[in-house]
Structures are given as C-alpha cells and as structure tokens.
Amino acid sequence: MTGPAAWLGAYPKRPGAPLILPGATLAEALGGQPHRRPPVLDPLLAALLPLLAANLTQAQIGARLALSPSAVKHRARRLYAALGVTNRVGAVTTALACGLLEEPGSEP
C-alpha cells in the first residue's frame, strides 16, 4: 500500500510509539512531490521549523527563542504564508518535501 493510506495505516495507535513508514519518505507517503526550488525563508522563520516539527507548544517555542507566545503565533503565520500553507502540519510536510527539514532518523 502506498500514498496517504499507507502513512495513516502506519500511524501509531499508542502514545510514544515510533512512527514507521515502510519504504517511503513522509513527503512521498503523503503524496507530495518535492518542490523544484525551496522557498527562501528569513532565518527567524526558519528557526521555527524544527520546533514546530517537534510539536512544541507556542509557549515552549517562545521560551526557547525568548519570544512571547503571541510573537511565536505571528511568526508562525508568516512562515505558513511563505510556505503557502495554512497550518503546522502543512508547514512541516512542505518543509520536508522541499528539503528545508530532514526527516527524523535520516542521515545528514
């Protein structure tokens, strides 16, 4: 099975279980094609990507970047606009697809 159904089928049923995608990258499993050219991101916005991918809350991200939660929310919206998405999942998926983020466990 390939495509989004394979990814959803691989989603862990229990908290803390590892996400295993047999033979496909997350971008491929979600049906995305890599972008030819990744968008150019402001370094302040690019710093949000790994923190969003780590599923940290706005307060946790703010604490790490010395920002208020509302400043994190504003930067996240700017990041979503730059990537052409509307939410955190779209941002992380797009960043993976165009090479702005590396998948967990991949070799650098």
PDB file of N, CA and C in Angstrom:
ATOM      1  N   MET A   1       0.845  -1.163   0.000  1.00  0.00           N
ATOM      2  CA  MET A   1       0.000   0.000   0.000  1.00  0.00           C
ATOM      3  C   MET A   1       0.899   1.237   0.000  1.00  0.00           C
ATOM      4  N   THR A   2       0.579   2.196  -0.850  1.00  0.00           N
ATOM      5  CA  THR A   2       1.349   3.434  -0.903  1.00  0.00           C
ATOM      6  C   THR A   2       0.411   4.616  -0.778  1.00  0.00           C
ATOM      7  N   GLY A   3       0.978   5.791  -0.693  1.00  0.00           N
ATOM      8  CA  GLY A   3       0.178   7.007  -0.623  1.00  0.00           C
ATOM      9  C   GLY A   3      -0.265   7.307   0.789  1.00  0.00           C
ATOM     10  N   PRO A   4      -1.194   8.256   0.936  1.00  0.00           N
ATOM     11  CA  PRO A   4      -1.627   8.672   2.261  1.00  0.00           C
ATOM     12  C   PRO A   4      -2.204   7.539   3.106  1.00  0.00           C
ATOM     13  N   ALA A   5      -2.858   6.586   2.471  1.00  0.00           N
ATOM     14  CA  ALA A   5      -3.436   5.473   3.228  1.00  0.00           C
ATOM     15  C   ALA A   5      -2.347   4.677   3.935  1.00  0.00           C
ATOM     16  N   ALA A   6      -1.189   4.502   3.286  1.00  0.00           N
ATOM     17  CA  ALA A   6      -0.085   3.770   3.915  1.00  0.00           C
ATOM     18  C   ALA A   6       0.444   4.528   5.120  1.00  0.00           C
ATOM     19  N   TRP A   7       0.536   5.837   4.993  1.00  0.00           N
ATOM     20  CA  TRP A   7       1.037   6.632   6.105  1.00  0.00           C
ATOM     21  C   TRP A   7       0.070   6.573   7.269  1.00  0.00           C
ATOM     22  N   LEU A   8      -1.214   6.733   6.985  1.00  0.00           N
ATOM     23  CA  LEU A   8      -2.201   6.690   8.057  1.00  0.00           C
ATOM     24  C   LEU A   8      -2.248   5.314   8.706  1.00  0.00           C
ATOM     25  N   GLY A   9      -2.060   4.271   7.897  1.00  0.00           N
ATOM     26  CA  GLY A   9      -2.037   2.925   8.440  1.00  0.00           C
ATOM     27  C   GLY A   9      -0.836   2.688   9.331  1.00  0.00           C
ATOM     28  N   ALA A  10       0.252   3.437   9.091  1.00  0.00           N
ATOM     29  CA  ALA A  10       1.467   3.278   9.879  1.00  0.00           C
ATOM     30  C   ALA A  10       1.439   4.120  11.150  1.00  0.00           C
ATOM     31  N   TYR A  11       0.432   4.998  11.275  1.00  0.00           N
ATOM     32  CA  TYR A  11       0.373   5.878  12.430  1.00  0.00           C
ATOM     33  C   TYR A  11       0.214   5.054  13.702  1.00  0.00           C
ATOM     34  N   PRO A  12       1.041   5.323  14.710  1.00  0.00           N
ATOM     35  CA  PRO A  12       0.990   4.502  15.921  1.00  0.00           C
ATOM     36  C   PRO A  12      -0.323   4.647  16.684  1.00  0.00           C
ATOM     37  N   LYS A  13      -0.795   3.543  17.195  1.00  0.00           N
ATOM     38  CA  LYS A  13      -2.048   3.516  17.946  1.00  0.00           C
ATOM     39  C   LYS A  13      -1.848   3.873  19.406  1.00  0.00           C
ATOM     40  N   ARG A  14      -0.630   3.802  19.881  1.00  0.00           N
ATOM     41  CA  ARG A  14      -0.378   4.098  21.289  1.00  0.00           C
ATOM     42  C   ARG A  14       0.590   5.272  21.411  1.00  0.00           C
ATOM     43  N   PRO A  15       0.391   6.108  22.440  1.00  0.00           N
ATOM     44  CA  PRO A  15       1.278   7.250  22.629  1.00  0.00           C
ATOM     45  C   PRO A  15       2.712   6.804  22.845  1.00  0.00           C
ATOM     46  N   GLY A  16       3.631   7.530  22.272  1.00  0.00           N
ATOM     47  CA  GLY A  16       5.042   7.227  22.443  1.00  0.00           C
ATOM     48  C   GLY A  16       5.568   6.175  21.484  1.00  0.00           C
ATOM     49  N   ALA A  17       4.685   5.549  20.697  1.00  0.00           N
ATOM     50  CA  ALA A  17       5.145   4.541  19.742  1.00  0.00           C
ATOM     51  C   ALA A  17       5.821   5.240  18.575  1.00  0.00           C
ATOM     52  N   PRO A  18       6.875   4.653  18.020  1.00  0.00           N
ATOM     53  CA  PRO A  18       7.554   5.282  16.888  1.00  0.00           C
ATOM     54  C   PRO A  18       6.687   5.234  15.630  1.00  0.00           C
ATOM     55  N   LEU A  19       6.820   6.249  14.821  1.00  0.00           N
ATOM     56  CA  LEU A  19       6.118   6.293  13.541  1.00  0.00           C
ATOM     57  C   LEU A  19       6.997   5.598  12.512  1.00  0.00           C
ATOM     58  N   ILE A  20       6.495   4.550  11.905  1.00  0.00           N
ATOM     59  CA  ILE A  20       7.276   3.776  10.938  1.00  0.00           C
ATOM     60  C   ILE A  20       6.597   3.867   9.583  1.00  0.00           C
ATOM     61  N   LEU A  21       7.342   4.335   8.616  1.00  0.00           N
ATOM     62  CA  LEU A  21       6.841   4.424   7.246  1.00  0.00           C
ATOM     63  C   LEU A  21       7.626   3.429   6.408  1.00  0.00           C
ATOM     64  N   PRO A  22       7.031   2.312   6.061  1.00  0.00           N
ATOM     65  CA  PRO A  22       7.775   1.295   5.325  1.00  0.00           C
ATOM     66  C   PRO A  22       8.123   1.743   3.911  1.00  0.00           C
ATOM     67  N   GLY A  23       9.420   1.961   3.682  1.00  0.00           N
ATOM     68  CA  GLY A  23       9.931   2.194   2.338  1.00  0.00           C
ATOM     69  C   GLY A  23       9.570   3.514   1.700  1.00  0.00           C
ATOM     70  N   ALA A  24       9.048   4.476   2.422  1.00  0.00           N
ATOM     71  CA  ALA A  24       8.696   5.746   1.788  1.00  0.00           C
ATOM     72  C   ALA A  24       9.030   6.884   2.734  1.00  0.00           C
ATOM     73  N   THR A  25       9.361   8.026   2.159  1.00  0.00           N
ATOM     74  CA  THR A  25       9.557   9.209   2.987  1.00  0.00           C
ATOM     75  C   THR A  25       8.193   9.757   3.341  1.00  0.00           C
ATOM     76  N   LEU A  26       8.154  10.620   4.328  1.00  0.00           N
ATOM     77  CA  LEU A  26       6.880  11.197   4.740  1.00  0.00           C
ATOM     78  C   LEU A  26       6.253  11.978   3.592  1.00  0.00           C
ATOM     79  N   ALA A  27       7.061  12.747   2.872  1.00  0.00           N
ATOM     80  CA  ALA A  27       6.536  13.528   1.749  1.00  0.00           C
ATOM     81  C   ALA A  27       5.936  12.611   0.687  1.00  0.00           C
ATOM     82  N   GLU A  28       6.622  11.499   0.379  1.00  0.00           N
ATOM     83  CA  GLU A  28       6.101  10.555  -0.612  1.00  0.00           C
ATOM     84  C   GLU A  28       4.839   9.880  -0.093  1.00  0.00           C
ATOM     85  N   ALA A  29       4.836   9.518   1.196  1.00  0.00           N
ATOM     86  CA  ALA A  29       3.678   8.841   1.766  1.00  0.00           C
ATOM     87  C   ALA A  29       2.446   9.735   1.754  1.00  0.00           C
ATOM     88  N   LEU A  30       2.659  11.036   1.877  1.00  0.00           N
ATOM     89  CA  LEU A  30       1.538  11.961   1.857  1.00  0.00           C
ATOM     90  C   LEU A  30       1.170  12.391   0.439  1.00  0.00           C
ATOM     91  N   GLY A  31       1.855  11.845  -0.549  1.00  0.00           N
ATOM     92  CA  GLY A  31       1.513  12.134  -1.938  1.00  0.00           C
ATOM     93  C   GLY A  31       2.116  13.413  -2.469  1.00  0.00           C
ATOM     94  N   GLY A  32       3.023  14.010  -1.729  1.00  0.00           N
ATOM     95  CA  GLY A  32       3.637  15.250  -2.177  1.00  0.00           C
ATOM     96  C   GLY A  32       4.819  15.007  -3.083  1.00  0.00           C
ATOM     97  N   GLN A  33       5.017  15.905  -3.977  1.00  0.00           N
ATOM     98  CA  GLN A  33       6.185  15.877  -4.845  1.00  0.00           C
ATOM     99  C   GLN A  33       7.163  16.936  -4.347  1.00  0.00           C
ATOM    100  N   PRO A  34       8.447  16.640  -4.325  1.00  0.00           N
ATOM    101  CA  PRO A  34       9.403  17.652  -3.880  1.00  0.00           C
ATOM    102  C   PRO A  34       9.321  18.890  -4.757  1.00  0.00           C
ATOM    103  N   HIS A  35       9.388  20.053  -4.123  1.00  0.00           N
ATOM    104  CA  HIS A  35       9.405  21.299  -4.866  1.00  0.00           C
ATOM    105  C   HIS A  35      10.739  21.405  -5.602  1.00  0.00           C
ATOM    106  N   ARG A  36      10.712  21.998  -6.759  1.00  0.00           N
ATOM    107  CA  ARG A  36      11.951  22.157  -7.517  1.00  0.00           C
ATOM    108  C   ARG A  36      12.911  23.096  -6.797  1.00  0.00           C
ATOM    109  N   ARG A  37      12.391  24.137  -6.216  1.00  0.00           N
ATOM    110  CA  ARG A  37      13.225  25.110  -5.543  1.00  0.00           C
ATOM    111  C   ARG A  37      12.589  25.436  -4.193  1.00  0.00           C
ATOM    112  N   PRO A  38      13.294  25.208  -3.095  1.00  0.00           N
ATOM    113  CA  PRO A  38      12.704  25.526  -1.794  1.00  0.00           C
ATOM    114  C   PRO A  38      12.542  27.034  -1.641  1.00  0.00           C
ATOM    115  N   PRO A  39      11.513  27.465  -0.933  1.00  0.00           N
ATOM    116  CA  PRO A  39      11.351  28.900  -0.714  1.00  0.00           C
ATOM    117  C   PRO A  39      12.488  29.440   0.144  1.00  0.00           C
ATOM    118  N   VAL A  40      12.838  30.684  -0.071  1.00  0.00           N
ATOM    119  CA  VAL A  40      13.860  31.331   0.741  1.00  0.00           C
ATOM    120  C   VAL A  40      13.166  31.888   1.982  1.00  0.00           C
ATOM    121  N   LEU A  41      13.607  31.423   3.128  1.00  0.00           N
ATOM    122  CA  LEU A  41      12.980  31.834   4.382  1.00  0.00           C
ATOM    123  C   LEU A  41      13.902  32.744   5.176  1.00  0.00           C
ATOM    124  N   ASP A  42      13.312  33.717   5.820  1.00  0.00           N
ATOM    125  CA  ASP A  42      14.013  34.567   6.772  1.00  0.00           C
ATOM    126  C   ASP A  42      14.558  33.641   7.872  1.00  0.00           C
ATOM    127  N   PRO A  43      15.784  33.867   8.346  1.00  0.00           N
ATOM    128  CA  PRO A  43      16.332  32.997   9.405  1.00  0.00           C
ATOM    129  C   PRO A  43      15.461  32.917  10.652  1.00  0.00           C
ATOM    130  N   LEU A  44      14.745  33.997  10.965  1.00  0.00           N
ATOM    131  CA  LEU A  44      13.854  33.974  12.133  1.00  0.00           C
ATOM    132  C   LEU A  44      12.694  33.013  11.927  1.00  0.00           C
ATOM    133  N   LEU A  45      12.219  32.922  10.687  1.00  0.00           N
ATOM    134  CA  LEU A  45      11.128  31.993  10.387  1.00  0.00           C
ATOM    135  C   LEU A  45      11.654  30.569  10.281  1.00  0.00           C
ATOM    136  N   ALA A  46      12.820  30.414   9.674  1.00  0.00           N
ATOM    137  CA  ALA A  46      13.402  29.077   9.521  1.00  0.00           C
ATOM    138  C   ALA A  46      13.684  28.444  10.881  1.00  0.00           C
ATOM    139  N   ALA A  47      13.986  29.261  11.889  1.00  0.00           N
ATOM    140  CA  ALA A  47      14.259  28.731  13.227  1.00  0.00           C
ATOM    141  C   ALA A  47      13.023  28.089  13.843  1.00  0.00           C
ATOM    142  N   LEU A  48      11.846  28.470  13.362  1.00  0.00           N
ATOM    143  CA  LEU A  48      10.606  27.883  13.883  1.00  0.00           C
ATOM    144  C   LEU A  48      10.372  26.459  13.382  1.00  0.00           C
ATOM    145  N   LEU A  49      10.846  26.152  12.188  1.00  0.00           N
ATOM    146  CA  LEU A  49      10.518  24.859  11.565  1.00  0.00           C
ATOM    147  C   LEU A  49      10.833  23.647  12.437  1.00  0.00           C
ATOM    148  N   PRO A  50      12.060  23.493  12.933  1.00  0.00           N
ATOM    149  CA  PRO A  50      12.320  22.290  13.738  1.00  0.00           C
ATOM    150  C   PRO A  50      11.523  22.256  15.035  1.00  0.00           C
ATOM    151  N   LEU A  51      11.195  23.426  15.575  1.00  0.00           N
ATOM    152  CA  LEU A  51      10.425  23.476  16.813  1.00  0.00           C
ATOM    153  C   LEU A  51       8.963  23.119  16.557  1.00  0.00           C
ATOM    154  N   LEU A  52       8.433  23.557  15.418  1.00  0.00           N
ATOM    155  CA  LEU A  52       7.078  23.161  15.039  1.00  0.00           C
ATOM    156  C   LEU A  52       7.026  21.657  14.768  1.00  0.00           C
ATOM    157  N   ALA A  53       8.064  21.150  14.099  1.00  0.00           N
ATOM    158  CA  ALA A  53       8.116  19.720  13.784  1.00  0.00           C
ATOM    159  C   ALA A  53       8.223  18.879  15.053  1.00  0.00           C
ATOM    160  N   ALA A  54       8.835  19.438  16.091  1.00  0.00           N
ATOM    161  CA  ALA A  54       8.965  18.720  17.370  1.00  0.00           C
ATOM    162  C   ALA A  54       7.671  18.774  18.178  1.00  0.00           C
ATOM    163  N   ASN A  55       6.639  19.436  17.633  1.00  0.00           N
ATOM    164  CA  ASN A  55       5.311  19.521  18.249  1.00  0.00           C
ATOM    165  C   ASN A  55       5.333  20.251  19.593  1.00  0.00           C
ATOM    166  N   LEU A  56       6.179  21.278  19.681  1.00  0.00           N
ATOM    167  CA  LEU A  56       6.211  22.093  20.880  1.00  0.00           C
ATOM    168  C   LEU A  56       5.062  23.093  20.845  1.00  0.00           C
ATOM    169  N   THR A  57       4.593  23.491  22.006  1.00  0.00           N
ATOM    170  CA  THR A  57       3.535  24.499  22.085  1.00  0.00           C
ATOM    171  C   THR A  57       4.137  25.873  21.809  1.00  0.00           C
ATOM    172  N   GLN A  58       3.248  26.857  21.592  1.00  0.00           N
ATOM    173  CA  GLN A  58       3.733  28.215  21.367  1.00  0.00           C
ATOM    174  C   GLN A  58       4.514  28.724  22.576  1.00  0.00           C
ATOM    175  N   ALA A  59       4.068  28.387  23.768  1.00  0.00           N
ATOM    176  CA  ALA A  59       4.771  28.816  24.981  1.00  0.00           C
ATOM    177  C   ALA A  59       6.164  28.177  25.060  1.00  0.00           C
ATOM    178  N   GLN A  60       6.269  26.894  24.720  1.00  0.00           N
ATOM    179  CA  GLN A  60       7.564  26.215  24.746  1.00  0.00           C
ATOM    180  C   GLN A  60       8.512  26.788  23.692  1.00  0.00           C
ATOM    181  N   ILE A  61       7.979  27.053  22.500  1.00  0.00           N
ATOM    182  CA  ILE A  61       8.792  27.653  21.447  1.00  0.00           C
ATOM    183  C   ILE A  61       9.251  29.046  21.876  1.00  0.00           C
ATOM    184  N   GLY A  62       8.322  29.812  22.454  1.00  0.00           N
ATOM    185  CA  GLY A  62       8.655  31.146  22.927  1.00  0.00           C
ATOM    186  C   GLY A  62       9.760  31.134  23.972  1.00  0.00           C
ATOM    187  N   ALA A  63       9.712  30.167  24.871  1.00  0.00           N
ATOM    188  CA  ALA A  63      10.742  30.057  25.903  1.00  0.00           C
ATOM    189  C   ALA A  63      12.103  29.755  25.278  1.00  0.00           C
ATOM    190  N   ARG A  64      12.131  28.927  24.256  1.00  0.00           N
ATOM    191  CA  ARG A  64      13.403  28.582  23.610  1.00  0.00           C
ATOM    192  C   ARG A  64      13.972  29.724  22.781  1.00  0.00           C
ATOM    193  N   LEU A  65      13.087  30.537  22.200  1.00  0.00           N
ATOM    194  CA  LEU A  65      13.539  31.623  21.325  1.00  0.00           C
ATOM    195  C   LEU A  65      13.459  32.997  21.994  1.00  0.00           C
ATOM    196  N   ALA A  66      13.123  33.030  23.279  1.00  0.00           N
ATOM    197  CA  ALA A  66      12.978  34.272  24.030  1.00  0.00           C
ATOM    198  C   ALA A  66      11.949  35.190  23.380  1.00  0.00           C
ATOM    199  N   LEU A  67      10.779  34.623  23.066  1.00  0.00           N
ATOM    200  CA  LEU A  67       9.675  35.363  22.459  1.00  0.00           C
ATOM    201  C   LEU A  67       8.407  35.124  23.270  1.00  0.00           C
ATOM    202  N   SER A  68       7.474  36.043  23.146  1.00  0.00           N
ATOM    203  CA  SER A  68       6.175  35.818  23.772  1.00  0.00           C
ATOM    204  C   SER A  68       5.386  34.827  22.906  1.00  0.00           C
ATOM    205  N   PRO A  69       4.406  34.129  23.485  1.00  0.00           N
ATOM    206  CA  PRO A  69       3.586  33.222  22.678  1.00  0.00           C
ATOM    207  C   PRO A  69       2.893  33.931  21.511  1.00  0.00           C
ATOM    208  N   SER A  70       2.498  35.195  21.713  1.00  0.00           N
ATOM    209  CA  SER A  70       1.853  35.908  20.600  1.00  0.00           C
ATOM    210  C   SER A  70       2.847  36.223  19.485  1.00  0.00           C
ATOM    211  N   ALA A  71       4.113  36.477  19.829  1.00  0.00           N
ATOM    212  CA  ALA A  71       5.136  36.700  18.799  1.00  0.00           C
ATOM    213  C   ALA A  71       5.391  35.403  18.031  1.00  0.00           C
ATOM    214  N   VAL A  72       5.378  34.278  18.732  1.00  0.00           N
ATOM    215  CA  VAL A  72       5.543  32.980  18.074  1.00  0.00           C
ATOM    216  C   VAL A  72       4.384  32.756  17.106  1.00  0.00           C
ATOM    217  N   LYS A  73       3.175  33.056  17.540  1.00  0.00           N
ATOM    218  CA  LYS A  73       1.992  32.886  16.697  1.00  0.00           C
ATOM    219  C   LYS A  73       2.105  33.753  15.441  1.00  0.00           C
ATOM    220  N   HIS A  74       2.560  34.994  15.606  1.00  0.00           N
ATOM    221  CA  HIS A  74       2.713  35.900  14.460  1.00  0.00           C
ATOM    222  C   HIS A  74       3.761  35.365  13.480  1.00  0.00           C
ATOM    223  N   ARG A  75       4.906  34.910  14.007  1.00  0.00           N
ATOM    224  CA  ARG A  75       5.949  34.367  13.125  1.00  0.00           C
ATOM    225  C   ARG A  75       5.485  33.092  12.442  1.00  0.00           C
ATOM    226  N   ALA A  76       4.734  32.280  13.164  1.00  0.00           N
ATOM    227  CA  ALA A  76       4.227  31.044  12.557  1.00  0.00           C
ATOM    228  C   ALA A  76       3.305  31.372  11.390  1.00  0.00           C
ATOM    229  N   ARG A  77       2.457  32.381  11.548  1.00  0.00           N
ATOM    230  CA  ARG A  77       1.584  32.785  10.441  1.00  0.00           C
ATOM    231  C   ARG A  77       2.393  33.276   9.253  1.00  0.00           C
ATOM    232  N   ARG A  78       3.458  34.036   9.513  1.00  0.00           N
ATOM    233  CA  ARG A  78       4.328  34.495   8.419  1.00  0.00           C
ATOM    234  C   ARG A  78       5.003  33.307   7.737  1.00  0.00           C
ATOM    235  N   LEU A  79       5.419  32.320   8.534  1.00  0.00           N
ATOM    236  CA  LEU A  79       6.037  31.112   7.977  1.00  0.00           C
ATOM    237  C   LEU A  79       5.049  30.355   7.106  1.00  0.00           C
ATOM    238  N   TYR A  80       3.819  30.184   7.584  1.00  0.00           N
ATOM    239  CA  TYR A  80       2.798  29.488   6.808  1.00  0.00           C
ATOM    240  C   TYR A  80       2.559  30.200   5.475  1.00  0.00           C
ATOM    241  N   ALA A  81       2.508  31.524   5.508  1.00  0.00           N
ATOM    242  CA  ALA A  81       2.295  32.293   4.277  1.00  0.00           C
ATOM    243  C   ALA A  81       3.471  32.103   3.314  1.00  0.00           C
ATOM    244  N   ALA A  82       4.689  32.105   3.844  1.00  0.00           N
ATOM    245  CA  ALA A  82       5.871  31.936   2.999  1.00  0.00           C
ATOM    246  C   ALA A  82       5.898  30.558   2.345  1.00  0.00           C
ATOM    247  N   LEU A  83       5.388  29.551   3.058  1.00  0.00           N
ATOM    248  CA  LEU A  83       5.373  28.186   2.519  1.00  0.00           C
ATOM    249  C   LEU A  83       4.103  27.885   1.723  1.00  0.00           C
ATOM    250  N   GLY A  84       3.133  28.788   1.780  1.00  0.00           N
ATOM    251  CA  GLY A  84       1.881  28.578   1.053  1.00  0.00           C
ATOM    252  C   GLY A  84       0.973  27.553   1.693  1.00  0.00           C
ATOM    253  N   VAL A  85       0.986  27.499   3.030  1.00  0.00           N
ATOM    254  CA  VAL A  85       0.161  26.541   3.770  1.00  0.00           C
ATOM    255  C   VAL A  85      -0.661  27.299   4.800  1.00  0.00           C
ATOM    256  N   THR A  86      -1.529  26.583   5.504  1.00  0.00           N
ATOM    257  CA  THR A  86      -2.396  27.243   6.479  1.00  0.00           C
ATOM    258  C   THR A  86      -2.231  26.742   7.907  1.00  0.00           C
ATOM    259  N   ASN A  87      -1.377  25.736   8.118  1.00  0.00           N
ATOM    260  CA  ASN A  87      -1.238  25.219   9.477  1.00  0.00           C
ATOM    261  C   ASN A  87       0.115  24.554   9.678  1.00  0.00           C
ATOM    262  N   ARG A  88       0.345  24.099  10.911  1.00  0.00           N
ATOM    263  CA  ARG A  88       1.618  23.500  11.308  1.00  0.00           C
ATOM    264  C   ARG A  88       1.921  22.222  10.517  1.00  0.00           C
ATOM    265  N   VAL A  89       0.917  21.379  10.342  1.00  0.00           N
ATOM    266  CA  VAL A  89       1.130  20.126   9.610  1.00  0.00           C
ATOM    267  C   VAL A  89       1.545  20.421   8.172  1.00  0.00           C
ATOM    268  N   GLY A  90       0.877  21.374   7.544  1.00  0.00           N
ATOM    269  CA  GLY A  90       1.238  21.761   6.181  1.00  0.00           C
ATOM    270  C   GLY A  90       2.639  22.323   6.104  1.00  0.00           C
ATOM    271  N   ALA A  91       3.031  23.115   7.104  1.00  0.00           N
ATOM    272  CA  ALA A  91       4.372  23.701   7.120  1.00  0.00           C
ATOM    273  C   ALA A  91       5.439  22.621   7.232  1.00  0.00           C
ATOM    274  N   VAL A  92       5.240  21.683   8.139  1.00  0.00           N
ATOM    275  CA  VAL A  92       6.232  20.619   8.335  1.00  0.00           C
ATOM    276  C   VAL A  92       6.292  19.713   7.112  1.00  0.00           C
ATOM    277  N   THR A  93       5.142  19.345   6.568  1.00  0.00           N
ATOM    278  CA  THR A  93       5.107  18.483   5.382  1.00  0.00           C
ATOM    279  C   THR A  93       5.775  19.157   4.195  1.00  0.00           C
ATOM    280  N   THR A  94       5.480  20.426   3.974  1.00  0.00           N
ATOM    281  CA  THR A  94       6.085  21.161   2.874  1.00  0.00           C
ATOM    282  C   THR A  94       7.585  21.315   3.088  1.00  0.00           C
ATOM    283  N   ALA A  95       7.993  21.611   4.310  1.00  0.00           N
ATOM    284  CA  ALA A  95       9.423  21.749   4.615  1.00  0.00           C
ATOM    285  C   ALA A  95      10.168  20.439   4.377  1.00  0.00           C
ATOM    286  N   LEU A  96       9.556  19.321   4.725  1.00  0.00           N
ATOM    287  CA  LEU A  96      10.170  18.013   4.448  1.00  0.00           C
ATOM    288  C   LEU A  96      10.265  17.764   2.950  1.00  0.00           C
ATOM    289  N   ALA A  97       9.197  18.088   2.241  1.00  0.00           N
ATOM    290  CA  ALA A  97       9.150  17.819   0.800  1.00  0.00           C
ATOM    291  C   ALA A  97      10.169  18.634   0.020  1.00  0.00           C
ATOM    292  N   CYS A  98      10.439  19.854   0.462  1.00  0.00           N
ATOM    293  CA  CYS A  98      11.366  20.683  -0.310  1.00  0.00           C
ATOM    294  C   CYS A  98      12.750  20.749   0.324  1.00  0.00           C
ATOM    295  N   GLY A  99      13.008  19.916   1.323  1.00  0.00           N
ATOM    296  CA  GLY A  99      14.360  19.802   1.854  1.00  0.00           C
ATOM    297  C   GLY A  99      14.756  20.836   2.902  1.00  0.00           C
ATOM    298  N   LEU A 100      13.804  21.580   3.439  1.00  0.00           N
ATOM    299  CA  LEU A 100      14.123  22.553   4.481  1.00  0.00           C
ATOM    300  C   LEU A 100      14.271  21.891   5.844  1.00  0.00           C
ATOM    301  N   LEU A 101      13.701  20.706   5.986  1.00  0.00           N
ATOM    302  CA  LEU A 101      13.800  19.899   7.199  1.00  0.00           C
ATOM    303  C   LEU A 101      14.213  18.489   6.798  1.00  0.00           C
ATOM    304  N   GLU A 102      14.936  17.834   7.671  1.00  0.00           N
ATOM    305  CA  GLU A 102      15.265  16.431   7.427  1.00  0.00           C
ATOM    306  C   GLU A 102      14.343  15.571   8.271  1.00  0.00           C
ATOM    307  N   GLU A 103      13.992  14.416   7.733  1.00  0.00           N
ATOM    308  CA  GLU A 103      13.121  13.501   8.474  1.00  0.00           C
ATOM    309  C   GLU A 103      13.861  12.956   9.682  1.00  0.00           C
ATOM    310  N   PRO A 104      13.137  12.744  10.777  1.00  0.00           N
ATOM    311  CA  PRO A 104      13.781  12.179  11.974  1.00  0.00           C
ATOM    312  C   PRO A 104      14.422  10.837  11.643  1.00  0.00           C
ATOM    313  N   GLY A 105      15.635  10.672  12.158  1.00  0.00           N
ATOM    314  CA  GLY A 105      16.339   9.408  11.947  1.00  0.00           C
ATOM    315  C   GLY A 105      17.081   9.320  10.640  1.00  0.00           C
ATOM    316  N   SER A 106      16.986  10.323   9.770  1.00  0.00           N
ATOM    317  CA  SER A 106      17.711  10.274   8.497  1.00  0.00           C
ATOM    318  C   SER A 106      19.147  10.722   8.720  1.00  0.00           C
ATOM    319  N   GLU A 107      20.028  10.219   7.906  1.00  0.00           N
ATOM    320  CA  GLU A 107      21.442  10.582   7.988  1.00  0.00           C
ATOM    321  C   GLU A 107      21.640  11.954   7.368  1.00  0.00           C
ATOM    322  N   PRO A 108      22.396  12.852   8.014  1.00  0.00           N
ATOM    323  CA  PRO A 108      22.618  14.191   7.433  1.00  0.00           C
ATOM    324  C   PRO A 108      23.506  14.135   6.211  1.00  0.00           C
TER     325      PRO A 108
END
